[in-house]
N, C-alpha and C. Protein backbone atom coordinates (compact mmCIF):
# COMPACT_ATOMS: atom_id res chain seq x y z
N SER A 1 -198.92 -131.41 61.52
CA SER A 1 -198.85 -132.01 59.87
C SER A 1 -198.91 -133.24 59.80
N PHE A 2 -197.70 -134.25 60.95
CA PHE A 2 -197.96 -136.07 60.40
C PHE A 2 -199.43 -136.15 61.41
N LYS A 3 -199.96 -135.56 62.18
CA LYS A 3 -201.45 -135.70 61.83
C LYS A 3 -202.57 -135.52 61.55
N ASP A 4 -202.31 -134.81 60.36
CA ASP A 4 -203.48 -134.69 59.39
C ASP A 4 -202.78 -136.43 58.09
N LYS A 5 -203.87 -137.52 58.22
CA LYS A 5 -203.35 -138.62 58.16
C LYS A 5 -202.90 -139.04 56.10
N ARG A 6 -203.79 -138.14 55.24
CA ARG A 6 -203.32 -137.52 53.76
C ARG A 6 -201.95 -136.89 54.07
N LEU A 7 -202.08 -135.57 54.96
CA LEU A 7 -200.84 -135.11 54.36
C LEU A 7 -199.18 -135.53 55.14
N ALA A 8 -199.70 -136.85 56.47
CA ALA A 8 -198.31 -137.51 56.82
C ALA A 8 -197.83 -138.63 56.04
N ALA A 9 -198.78 -139.59 55.07
CA ALA A 9 -198.33 -140.28 54.39
C ALA A 9 -197.50 -139.44 52.99
N LEU A 10 -198.10 -138.10 53.00
CA LEU A 10 -197.06 -137.83 51.72
C LEU A 10 -195.86 -137.13 52.09
N LEU A 11 -195.89 -136.36 53.49
CA LEU A 11 -194.25 -136.69 54.15
C LEU A 11 -193.68 -137.83 54.49
N TRP A 12 -193.79 -138.62 54.93
CA TRP A 12 -193.01 -140.05 55.25
C TRP A 12 -192.55 -140.07 53.64
N GLN A 13 -193.51 -140.51 52.41
CA GLN A 13 -193.01 -140.23 51.41
C GLN A 13 -191.37 -139.39 51.00
N PHE A 14 -191.85 -138.46 51.13
CA PHE A 14 -190.81 -136.93 50.77
C PHE A 14 -189.62 -137.78 51.31
N PHE A 15 -189.82 -137.85 52.73
CA PHE A 15 -188.45 -138.67 53.77
C PHE A 15 -188.10 -139.66 52.91
N ILE A 16 -189.09 -140.44 52.50
CA ILE A 16 -188.12 -142.04 52.14
C ILE A 16 -187.28 -141.43 50.57
N PHE A 17 -188.39 -140.74 49.99
CA PHE A 17 -187.19 -140.02 48.99
C PHE A 17 -186.32 -139.92 49.06
N ALA A 18 -185.71 -138.66 50.05
CA ALA A 18 -184.90 -138.17 50.27
C ALA A 18 -184.11 -138.54 51.02
N PHE A 19 -184.67 -140.22 51.60
CA PHE A 19 -183.46 -140.55 52.08
C PHE A 19 -182.32 -141.07 50.38
N ALA A 20 -183.22 -142.12 50.35
CA ALA A 20 -182.94 -142.69 48.87
C ALA A 20 -182.35 -142.29 48.36
N PHE A 21 -182.78 -140.92 47.65
CA PHE A 21 -181.98 -139.78 46.96
C PHE A 21 -180.25 -139.60 47.67
N SER A 22 -180.22 -139.39 48.76
CA SER A 22 -178.79 -138.94 49.95
C SER A 22 -178.31 -140.38 49.67
N THR A 23 -178.76 -141.70 49.94
CA THR A 23 -178.22 -142.26 49.82
C THR A 23 -177.22 -143.03 48.80
N PHE A 24 -178.54 -142.67 47.15
CA PHE A 24 -177.80 -142.46 45.94
C PHE A 24 -176.15 -141.98 45.92
N PHE A 25 -176.25 -140.54 46.01
CA PHE A 25 -175.60 -139.07 45.38
C PHE A 25 -174.49 -139.18 46.85
N SER A 26 -174.89 -139.58 47.82
CA SER A 26 -173.00 -139.78 48.86
C SER A 26 -172.76 -140.99 48.90
N GLY A 27 -173.38 -141.26 48.11
CA GLY A 27 -172.43 -143.10 48.04
C GLY A 27 -171.73 -143.14 47.24
N PHE A 28 -172.67 -143.04 45.65
CA PHE A 28 -171.77 -143.63 44.54
C PHE A 28 -170.66 -143.53 43.94
N ALA A 29 -170.08 -142.23 44.24
CA ALA A 29 -168.50 -142.20 44.07
C ALA A 29 -167.92 -143.64 44.73
N LEU A 30 -167.87 -143.76 45.83
CA LEU A 30 -166.98 -144.58 46.61
C LEU A 30 -167.42 -146.41 45.99
N PHE A 31 -168.86 -146.51 45.72
CA PHE A 31 -169.20 -147.59 45.11
C PHE A 31 -168.88 -147.66 43.74
N ALA A 32 -168.60 -146.81 43.26
CA ALA A 32 -167.97 -146.79 41.76
C ALA A 32 -166.58 -147.54 41.53
N GLU A 33 -165.80 -146.22 42.29
CA GLU A 33 -164.12 -146.69 42.86
C GLU A 33 -164.03 -148.04 42.62
N ARG A 34 -165.44 -148.53 43.61
CA ARG A 34 -164.85 -150.30 44.21
C ARG A 34 -165.07 -151.43 43.22
N ARG A 35 -166.35 -150.78 42.42
CA ARG A 35 -166.89 -152.12 41.31
C ARG A 35 -167.56 -151.65 40.37
N PHE A 36 -166.44 -150.87 39.59
CA PHE A 36 -166.46 -150.65 38.12
C PHE A 36 -164.39 -149.96 37.89
N VAL A 37 -164.37 -150.51 36.19
CA VAL A 37 -163.20 -150.34 35.80
C VAL A 37 -163.03 -149.71 34.80
N HIS A 38 -162.36 -148.61 34.12
CA HIS A 38 -162.11 -148.17 32.88
C HIS A 38 -160.48 -147.58 32.66
N ASP A 39 -160.11 -148.83 31.43
CA ASP A 39 -159.29 -148.22 31.13
C ASP A 39 -158.28 -148.88 31.89
N GLY A 40 -158.72 -150.07 32.04
CA GLY A 40 -157.56 -151.05 33.33
C GLY A 40 -157.92 -150.26 35.11
N LEU A 41 -158.38 -148.92 35.08
CA LEU A 41 -158.17 -148.24 36.70
C LEU A 41 -159.50 -148.20 37.06
N ALA A 42 -159.14 -148.03 38.38
CA ALA A 42 -160.45 -148.15 39.18
C ALA A 42 -160.78 -146.59 39.06
N PHE A 43 -162.58 -146.83 39.15
CA PHE A 43 -163.21 -145.22 38.49
C PHE A 43 -162.77 -144.29 39.56
N GLY A 44 -162.19 -143.17 38.76
CA GLY A 44 -161.61 -142.61 39.74
C GLY A 44 -162.89 -141.18 39.83
N THR A 45 -161.96 -139.30 40.18
CA THR A 45 -163.18 -138.51 39.93
C THR A 45 -163.74 -138.12 38.76
N THR A 46 -162.39 -138.22 37.57
CA THR A 46 -163.18 -137.96 36.54
C THR A 46 -164.44 -139.06 35.90
N GLU A 47 -164.53 -140.60 35.66
CA GLU A 47 -165.16 -140.90 35.58
C GLU A 47 -166.87 -140.95 36.27
N VAL A 48 -166.29 -140.21 37.28
CA VAL A 48 -167.76 -140.70 38.31
C VAL A 48 -168.16 -138.77 38.21
N ALA A 49 -167.28 -138.52 37.81
CA ALA A 49 -168.15 -136.96 37.24
C ALA A 49 -168.72 -137.12 36.23
N TYR A 50 -168.29 -137.93 35.34
CA TYR A 50 -169.31 -137.98 33.50
C TYR A 50 -170.50 -138.60 34.75
N VAL A 51 -170.18 -139.48 34.85
CA VAL A 51 -171.95 -140.52 35.15
C VAL A 51 -172.63 -139.11 36.32
N PHE A 52 -172.30 -138.18 36.68
CA PHE A 52 -172.63 -137.46 37.36
C PHE A 52 -173.38 -136.00 36.72
N ALA A 53 -172.64 -135.84 35.18
CA ALA A 53 -172.60 -134.56 34.67
C ALA A 53 -174.02 -135.72 33.61
N PHE A 54 -174.06 -137.16 33.40
CA PHE A 54 -175.31 -137.78 32.76
C PHE A 54 -176.19 -137.78 33.24
N SER A 55 -176.22 -137.89 34.74
CA SER A 55 -177.48 -137.48 35.42
C SER A 55 -177.79 -136.16 35.70
N GLY A 56 -177.03 -135.12 35.71
CA GLY A 56 -177.40 -134.22 35.46
C GLY A 56 -178.16 -133.49 33.82
N LEU A 57 -177.93 -134.42 32.95
CA LEU A 57 -178.75 -133.63 32.12
C LEU A 57 -179.54 -134.59 31.90
N ILE A 58 -180.30 -135.44 32.55
CA ILE A 58 -181.15 -136.27 32.06
C ILE A 58 -182.18 -135.79 32.86
N GLY A 59 -181.48 -135.17 34.02
CA GLY A 59 -182.16 -134.48 34.74
C GLY A 59 -183.03 -133.21 34.94
N ILE A 60 -182.36 -132.19 33.85
CA ILE A 60 -182.19 -130.51 33.41
C ILE A 60 -183.38 -130.82 32.10
N LEU A 61 -183.17 -132.09 30.99
CA LEU A 61 -184.30 -132.30 30.39
C LEU A 61 -185.62 -132.91 30.70
N ILE A 62 -185.58 -133.34 31.98
CA ILE A 62 -186.78 -133.88 32.76
C ILE A 62 -187.71 -132.50 32.87
N GLN A 63 -186.61 -131.84 34.14
CA GLN A 63 -187.05 -131.42 35.09
C GLN A 63 -187.47 -129.22 34.48
N GLY A 64 -187.02 -129.30 32.57
CA GLY A 64 -186.47 -128.22 31.95
C GLY A 64 -187.57 -128.13 31.09
N GLY A 65 -188.51 -129.36 30.75
CA GLY A 65 -189.26 -129.32 29.20
C GLY A 65 -189.95 -130.34 29.26
N GLY A 66 -189.84 -131.53 30.10
CA GLY A 66 -190.48 -132.84 30.32
C GLY A 66 -191.64 -132.63 30.95
N MET A 67 -191.94 -132.28 32.14
CA MET A 67 -192.85 -132.15 34.00
C MET A 67 -193.95 -131.70 33.44
N GLY A 68 -194.17 -130.72 32.87
CA GLY A 68 -195.50 -130.08 31.68
C GLY A 68 -196.15 -131.06 31.32
N PRO A 69 -195.50 -131.67 30.22
CA PRO A 69 -196.22 -133.09 29.24
C PRO A 69 -196.29 -133.97 30.26
N LEU A 70 -195.45 -134.24 31.10
CA LEU A 70 -195.92 -135.52 32.27
C LEU A 70 -196.45 -135.28 32.89
N ILE A 71 -197.44 -134.50 33.38
CA ILE A 71 -197.92 -134.16 34.46
C ILE A 71 -199.59 -133.27 33.58
N LYS A 72 -199.71 -133.27 33.02
CA LYS A 72 -200.48 -133.00 31.70
C LYS A 72 -201.06 -134.68 31.62
N ALA A 73 -199.93 -135.65 30.73
CA ALA A 73 -200.55 -136.90 30.85
C ALA A 73 -201.15 -138.13 32.20
N PHE A 74 -200.35 -137.88 32.57
CA PHE A 74 -200.01 -138.35 34.13
C PHE A 74 -200.90 -138.02 35.07
N GLY A 75 -200.39 -136.64 35.67
CA GLY A 75 -201.16 -135.86 36.67
C GLY A 75 -200.03 -136.59 38.03
N GLU A 76 -200.19 -135.67 39.00
CA GLU A 76 -198.98 -135.53 40.29
C GLU A 76 -198.89 -136.80 40.74
N SER A 77 -200.26 -137.24 41.62
CA SER A 77 -200.36 -139.20 42.25
C SER A 77 -199.39 -139.97 40.83
N ARG A 78 -199.76 -139.97 40.19
CA ARG A 78 -199.44 -141.16 39.21
C ARG A 78 -197.87 -141.16 38.88
N LEU A 79 -197.51 -139.75 38.58
CA LEU A 79 -195.65 -139.67 38.51
C LEU A 79 -194.67 -140.14 39.84
N VAL A 80 -195.59 -139.42 41.34
CA VAL A 80 -194.93 -140.20 42.17
C VAL A 80 -194.64 -141.23 42.15
N GLN A 81 -196.13 -142.28 41.93
CA GLN A 81 -196.10 -143.40 41.95
C GLN A 81 -194.57 -144.37 40.84
N MET A 82 -194.80 -143.40 39.39
CA MET A 82 -193.78 -144.24 38.84
C MET A 82 -192.28 -143.83 38.98
N GLY A 83 -192.07 -142.35 39.71
CA GLY A 83 -190.86 -141.76 40.68
C GLY A 83 -190.13 -143.09 40.68
N PHE A 84 -191.21 -143.42 42.16
CA PHE A 84 -190.91 -144.85 43.08
C PHE A 84 -189.80 -145.98 42.63
N ALA A 85 -190.90 -146.29 41.30
CA ALA A 85 -190.96 -147.41 40.86
C ALA A 85 -189.60 -147.39 39.77
N THR A 86 -189.25 -146.38 38.95
CA THR A 86 -188.06 -145.96 38.25
C THR A 86 -187.20 -146.46 38.78
N MET A 87 -186.89 -145.77 40.35
CA MET A 87 -186.28 -145.80 41.48
C MET A 87 -186.09 -146.46 41.96
N THR A 88 -186.86 -147.70 41.86
CA THR A 88 -186.70 -149.29 43.00
C THR A 88 -185.86 -149.66 41.81
N LEU A 89 -186.27 -150.08 40.54
CA LEU A 89 -185.76 -150.51 39.06
C LEU A 89 -184.39 -150.36 39.19
N GLY A 90 -183.85 -148.87 39.80
CA GLY A 90 -182.69 -148.46 38.96
C GLY A 90 -181.68 -148.75 39.99
N PHE A 91 -181.91 -148.52 41.59
CA PHE A 91 -180.99 -148.86 42.20
C PHE A 91 -181.35 -150.88 42.46
N LEU A 92 -181.86 -151.78 42.45
CA LEU A 92 -182.00 -152.53 41.93
C LEU A 92 -181.08 -153.41 41.44
N MET A 93 -181.20 -152.61 39.94
CA MET A 93 -179.79 -152.83 38.97
C MET A 93 -178.74 -152.41 39.08
N LEU A 94 -178.49 -151.57 40.16
CA LEU A 94 -177.20 -151.47 40.51
C LEU A 94 -176.16 -152.21 41.04
N ALA A 95 -177.82 -152.98 41.94
CA ALA A 95 -177.03 -154.21 43.24
C ALA A 95 -176.29 -155.24 42.28
N GLY A 96 -176.56 -155.67 40.98
CA GLY A 96 -175.99 -156.12 40.68
C GLY A 96 -175.66 -156.33 39.02
N VAL A 97 -175.22 -154.85 38.71
CA VAL A 97 -174.42 -154.69 37.56
C VAL A 97 -173.38 -154.58 37.84
N GLN A 98 -172.35 -154.57 36.22
CA GLN A 98 -170.90 -154.73 36.16
C GLN A 98 -170.32 -154.36 35.12
N GLY A 99 -171.45 -153.46 33.80
CA GLY A 99 -170.71 -153.24 32.80
C GLY A 99 -171.31 -151.48 33.10
N ILE A 100 -170.16 -150.86 31.99
CA ILE A 100 -171.00 -149.28 32.71
C ILE A 100 -172.09 -149.15 31.46
N PRO A 101 -172.24 -149.92 30.66
CA PRO A 101 -173.54 -149.37 29.84
C PRO A 101 -175.42 -149.74 30.95
N TYR A 102 -174.70 -150.80 31.17
CA TYR A 102 -175.92 -150.99 32.99
C TYR A 102 -176.03 -149.96 33.73
N LEU A 103 -174.54 -149.66 34.01
CA LEU A 103 -174.45 -148.51 35.29
C LEU A 103 -174.85 -147.29 35.01
N LEU A 104 -175.01 -147.06 33.43
CA LEU A 104 -175.64 -145.77 33.02
C LEU A 104 -177.20 -145.89 32.99
N ILE A 105 -177.73 -147.14 32.46
CA ILE A 105 -179.45 -147.35 32.59
C ILE A 105 -179.81 -147.08 33.92
N ALA A 106 -178.87 -147.26 34.84
CA ALA A 106 -179.26 -147.64 36.27
C ALA A 106 -179.47 -146.03 36.53
N VAL A 107 -178.67 -145.71 36.32
CA VAL A 107 -178.68 -143.74 36.66
C VAL A 107 -179.97 -143.69 36.71
N ALA A 108 -179.58 -143.44 34.84
CA ALA A 108 -181.04 -143.00 33.73
C ALA A 108 -182.28 -143.55 34.40
N LEU A 109 -182.82 -144.47 35.16
CA LEU A 109 -183.63 -145.24 35.81
C LEU A 109 -184.24 -143.83 37.09
N LEU A 110 -182.42 -144.04 37.66
CA LEU A 110 -182.41 -143.30 39.15
C LEU A 110 -182.93 -141.95 38.95
N THR A 111 -182.61 -141.18 38.18
CA THR A 111 -182.56 -139.92 37.46
C THR A 111 -184.00 -139.82 37.44
N PHE A 112 -184.11 -139.89 35.99
CA PHE A 112 -185.84 -139.92 35.38
C PHE A 112 -186.52 -140.06 36.83
N GLY A 113 -186.24 -141.15 38.07
CA GLY A 113 -187.52 -141.19 39.11
C GLY A 113 -187.32 -140.44 39.97
N SER A 114 -186.11 -139.65 40.23
CA SER A 114 -186.19 -139.26 41.27
C SER A 114 -186.80 -137.39 40.40
N ALA A 115 -186.37 -137.20 38.95
CA ALA A 115 -186.83 -135.78 38.88
C ALA A 115 -187.66 -136.06 38.47
N ILE A 116 -189.02 -136.89 38.53
CA ILE A 116 -190.44 -136.78 38.53
C ILE A 116 -190.92 -136.44 39.38
N LEU A 117 -190.09 -137.31 40.24
CA LEU A 117 -190.76 -137.70 41.96
C LEU A 117 -190.71 -136.34 42.62
N ARG A 118 -189.80 -135.74 43.02
CA ARG A 118 -189.44 -135.08 44.12
C ARG A 118 -190.84 -133.57 43.28
N PRO A 119 -190.62 -133.26 42.27
CA PRO A 119 -191.53 -131.81 42.33
C PRO A 119 -192.96 -132.53 42.42
N SER A 120 -193.25 -133.51 41.65
CA SER A 120 -194.58 -134.20 41.83
C SER A 120 -195.09 -134.31 43.70
N LEU A 121 -194.39 -134.57 43.91
CA LEU A 121 -194.39 -134.81 45.43
C LEU A 121 -194.52 -133.56 46.41
N THR A 122 -193.34 -132.84 46.20
CA THR A 122 -193.58 -131.48 46.23
C THR A 122 -194.70 -130.46 46.45
N ALA A 123 -195.86 -130.36 44.61
CA ALA A 123 -196.88 -129.76 44.54
C ALA A 123 -198.47 -130.85 45.32
N LEU A 124 -198.19 -131.80 45.75
CA LEU A 124 -198.85 -132.66 46.49
C LEU A 124 -199.21 -132.26 47.48
N ILE A 125 -197.95 -132.01 48.36
CA ILE A 125 -198.12 -131.75 49.47
C ILE A 125 -198.32 -130.28 49.50
N THR A 126 -197.73 -129.36 48.84
CA THR A 126 -198.33 -128.19 49.89
C THR A 126 -200.16 -127.73 48.91
N THR A 127 -200.17 -128.19 48.05
CA THR A 127 -201.55 -128.06 47.85
C THR A 127 -202.59 -129.09 49.16
N ARG A 128 -201.97 -130.04 49.49
CA ARG A 128 -202.92 -130.47 50.54
C ARG A 128 -202.58 -129.87 51.72
N ALA A 129 -201.56 -129.25 52.41
CA ALA A 129 -201.53 -128.29 53.41
C ALA A 129 -202.57 -127.24 52.82
N ALA A 130 -202.78 -126.94 54.38
CA ALA A 130 -203.68 -125.62 54.44
C ALA A 130 -203.33 -124.41 53.86
N ARG A 131 -203.41 -123.24 53.38
CA ARG A 131 -203.17 -122.36 52.73
C ARG A 131 -202.35 -121.49 53.77
N HIS A 132 -202.72 -121.71 54.86
CA HIS A 132 -201.63 -120.74 55.70
C HIS A 132 -200.67 -121.94 56.21
N ARG A 133 -200.73 -122.53 56.28
CA ARG A 133 -199.55 -123.37 56.91
C ARG A 133 -198.34 -124.10 55.90
N GLN A 134 -198.70 -123.65 54.59
CA GLN A 134 -197.76 -123.95 53.32
C GLN A 134 -196.50 -123.89 53.48
N GLY A 135 -196.14 -122.46 54.61
CA GLY A 135 -194.24 -122.17 54.24
C GLY A 135 -194.27 -122.94 55.97
N MET A 136 -194.72 -123.27 56.39
CA MET A 136 -194.42 -124.14 58.29
C MET A 136 -194.49 -125.85 57.28
N VAL A 137 -195.43 -126.30 56.22
CA VAL A 137 -195.17 -127.35 55.74
C VAL A 137 -193.74 -127.49 54.83
N ILE A 138 -193.77 -126.42 53.68
CA ILE A 138 -192.55 -126.51 53.38
C ILE A 138 -191.08 -126.28 53.88
N GLY A 139 -190.80 -125.94 55.55
CA GLY A 139 -190.07 -126.07 56.16
C GLY A 139 -189.73 -127.30 56.80
N LEU A 140 -191.44 -127.84 57.03
CA LEU A 140 -191.02 -129.44 57.65
C LEU A 140 -190.25 -130.11 56.23
N MET A 141 -190.57 -130.36 55.87
CA MET A 141 -190.37 -130.69 53.87
C MET A 141 -188.46 -130.75 54.22
N GLN A 142 -188.30 -129.38 54.50
CA GLN A 142 -186.79 -129.55 54.62
C GLN A 142 -186.31 -129.73 55.52
N SER A 143 -186.58 -129.78 56.97
CA SER A 143 -185.71 -130.54 58.03
C SER A 143 -185.65 -131.48 57.62
N LEU A 144 -187.03 -132.43 57.20
CA LEU A 144 -186.62 -134.40 56.94
C LEU A 144 -185.86 -134.59 55.68
N MET A 145 -185.80 -133.53 55.12
CA MET A 145 -184.47 -133.84 54.35
C MET A 145 -183.49 -134.11 54.51
N SER A 146 -182.68 -132.29 55.49
CA SER A 146 -182.13 -132.56 56.01
C SER A 146 -181.27 -134.23 57.00
N ILE A 147 -182.49 -134.14 57.70
CA ILE A 147 -181.92 -135.58 58.86
C ILE A 147 -181.84 -136.75 57.56
N ALA A 148 -182.56 -136.86 56.31
CA ALA A 148 -181.98 -138.09 55.31
C ALA A 148 -180.69 -137.54 55.05
N GLN A 149 -180.11 -136.35 55.08
CA GLN A 149 -178.85 -136.17 54.72
C GLN A 149 -177.33 -136.40 55.23
N ILE A 150 -177.87 -136.42 56.63
CA ILE A 150 -177.39 -137.09 57.63
C ILE A 150 -177.29 -138.45 58.08
N VAL A 151 -178.01 -138.83 57.82
CA VAL A 151 -178.49 -139.93 58.36
C VAL A 151 -177.87 -141.16 56.95
N ALA A 152 -178.86 -140.60 55.71
CA ALA A 152 -178.57 -141.94 54.76
C ALA A 152 -176.90 -141.98 54.28
N PRO A 153 -175.97 -140.61 54.30
CA PRO A 153 -174.46 -140.91 54.16
C PRO A 153 -173.82 -141.48 55.34
N VAL A 154 -174.26 -141.91 56.12
CA VAL A 154 -173.35 -142.71 57.04
C VAL A 154 -173.52 -144.25 57.13
N ILE A 155 -175.12 -144.81 56.81
CA ILE A 155 -175.62 -146.03 55.96
C ILE A 155 -174.87 -146.60 55.05
N ALA A 156 -174.86 -145.11 54.24
CA ALA A 156 -174.11 -145.54 52.39
C ALA A 156 -172.81 -146.00 53.16
N GLY A 157 -172.38 -145.39 54.05
CA GLY A 157 -170.63 -145.21 54.49
C GLY A 157 -170.24 -146.07 54.49
N PHE A 158 -171.16 -146.60 55.49
CA PHE A 158 -170.68 -147.78 56.29
C PHE A 158 -171.42 -148.97 55.35
N LEU A 159 -171.99 -149.17 54.09
CA LEU A 159 -172.20 -150.47 53.84
C LEU A 159 -171.04 -151.10 52.76
N ILE A 160 -170.73 -149.06 52.68
CA ILE A 160 -169.54 -148.83 51.42
C ILE A 160 -168.24 -149.82 52.07
N GLN A 161 -167.54 -149.19 53.09
CA GLN A 161 -166.59 -149.47 52.98
C GLN A 161 -166.51 -150.64 53.63
N THR A 162 -167.49 -151.15 54.18
CA THR A 162 -167.35 -152.77 54.67
C THR A 162 -167.64 -153.81 53.58
N GLN A 163 -166.74 -152.77 52.10
CA GLN A 163 -167.76 -153.62 51.03
C GLN A 163 -169.16 -154.24 50.84
N TYR A 164 -169.92 -153.80 51.38
CA TYR A 164 -170.95 -155.19 50.83
C TYR A 164 -172.01 -153.50 50.25
N LEU A 165 -171.62 -153.68 48.78
CA LEU A 165 -171.57 -152.70 47.76
C LEU A 165 -173.25 -152.87 47.10
N SER A 166 -173.59 -154.35 46.90
CA SER A 166 -174.91 -154.96 46.43
C SER A 166 -175.88 -154.35 47.70
N THR A 167 -175.58 -154.72 49.26
CA THR A 167 -176.47 -154.06 50.40
C THR A 167 -176.79 -152.94 49.49
N TRP A 168 -175.47 -151.89 49.89
CA TRP A 168 -175.91 -150.40 49.49
C TRP A 168 -176.86 -150.15 48.69
N ALA A 169 -176.70 -150.80 47.53
CA ALA A 169 -178.03 -150.68 46.63
C ALA A 169 -179.63 -151.25 47.05
N ILE A 170 -179.20 -152.87 47.44
CA ILE A 170 -180.73 -152.51 47.88
C ILE A 170 -181.25 -152.34 49.15
N ALA A 171 -180.54 -151.48 49.91
CA ALA A 171 -181.15 -150.85 50.87
C ALA A 171 -181.65 -149.83 50.20
N GLY A 172 -180.91 -148.89 48.80
CA GLY A 172 -182.03 -148.25 48.54
C GLY A 172 -183.13 -148.45 47.88
N THR A 173 -183.06 -149.45 47.43
CA THR A 173 -184.24 -150.22 46.93
C THR A 173 -185.55 -150.71 47.43
N VAL A 174 -184.52 -150.85 49.05
CA VAL A 174 -186.30 -150.84 49.73
C VAL A 174 -186.48 -150.31 49.86
N PHE A 175 -185.38 -148.89 50.66
CA PHE A 175 -186.57 -148.10 50.29
C PHE A 175 -187.47 -147.07 49.59
N CYS A 176 -187.02 -146.72 48.47
CA CYS A 176 -187.73 -146.31 47.13
C CYS A 176 -189.06 -147.73 47.15
N ALA A 177 -188.95 -148.90 47.06
CA ALA A 177 -190.12 -149.52 47.53
C ALA A 177 -191.06 -149.32 48.45
N ILE A 178 -190.56 -149.41 49.45
CA ILE A 178 -191.37 -148.24 50.47
C ILE A 178 -192.01 -147.44 50.49
N GLY A 179 -191.62 -146.88 49.68
CA GLY A 179 -192.22 -145.56 49.21
C GLY A 179 -193.10 -145.56 48.10
N TRP A 180 -193.01 -146.27 47.37
CA TRP A 180 -194.83 -147.13 46.37
C TRP A 180 -195.33 -147.69 47.03
N ALA A 181 -195.01 -148.76 47.25
CA ALA A 181 -195.25 -149.11 48.17
C ALA A 181 -196.84 -148.21 49.28
N LEU A 182 -196.51 -146.95 49.85
CA LEU A 182 -196.95 -146.36 50.41
C LEU A 182 -198.23 -145.36 49.20
N VAL A 183 -197.80 -145.08 48.18
CA VAL A 183 -198.27 -144.76 47.36
C VAL A 183 -200.10 -145.57 46.71
N ILE A 184 -199.29 -146.54 46.61
CA ILE A 184 -200.06 -147.79 46.29
C ILE A 184 -201.71 -147.83 47.14
N MET A 185 -200.61 -148.39 48.46
CA MET A 185 -201.97 -148.19 49.17
C MET A 185 -202.87 -146.59 49.38
N LEU A 186 -202.42 -146.22 49.84
CA LEU A 186 -203.07 -144.87 49.68
C LEU A 186 -203.78 -144.08 48.86
N LYS A 187 -204.05 -144.67 48.02
CA LYS A 187 -204.70 -144.04 46.38
C LYS A 187 -206.01 -144.24 47.11
C-alpha cells in the first residue's frame, strides 16, 4: 500500500492525524493540571471531564449530523485540508493559552478538525484502495493508529512531565502542519 503513491500519501496523513490526536488526548489531563486553575485549585478530574464532555458534544454534532452537508459543500479532500488547518490552529492556541475561555476555543478547533478529518480521510483511503484490498488497507490504518497510540503518549508524557507544556502543544502543531502541508503538496 505504501508503494502506491496516491494511497501512501493518504496513509501518512492518517498516521500524522492519529499521532496528533493521541498526543492531545493522552496529554491533555496532565497539561491542564499544570496550566489551569479553577476556583483556586489546579484542574482536576472534574474539570478535565467537563472539557472532554465539551469536546465530545462538538464531535457528536459534527459527525452526527454535520458531515453530510459539509461533504456536499466542500468534498472530502477539502475537509481533510480544513481538518488539519483547524487542528494546527487549535494546538497553536494551546501553546500559549492561559484562560479557560481560550482553552475551550482551542479544544473546539481541535475537536472540529479531528471530527471532519478522520471520516473524510478514511473515505478517501478506502475509495483509493483497490476493492479487493480495502479490508487490508483498513487493517493497516488500524495498525498505524496503534503505533501512534503507543508512541505519542510517551512523547507527550515526557514533554509534560519535564514542564515543556508549550512544547507539547507545539509538537501537536507541527504534526498537524506537516499533515496540512502534505494535503496541499499532493493536490
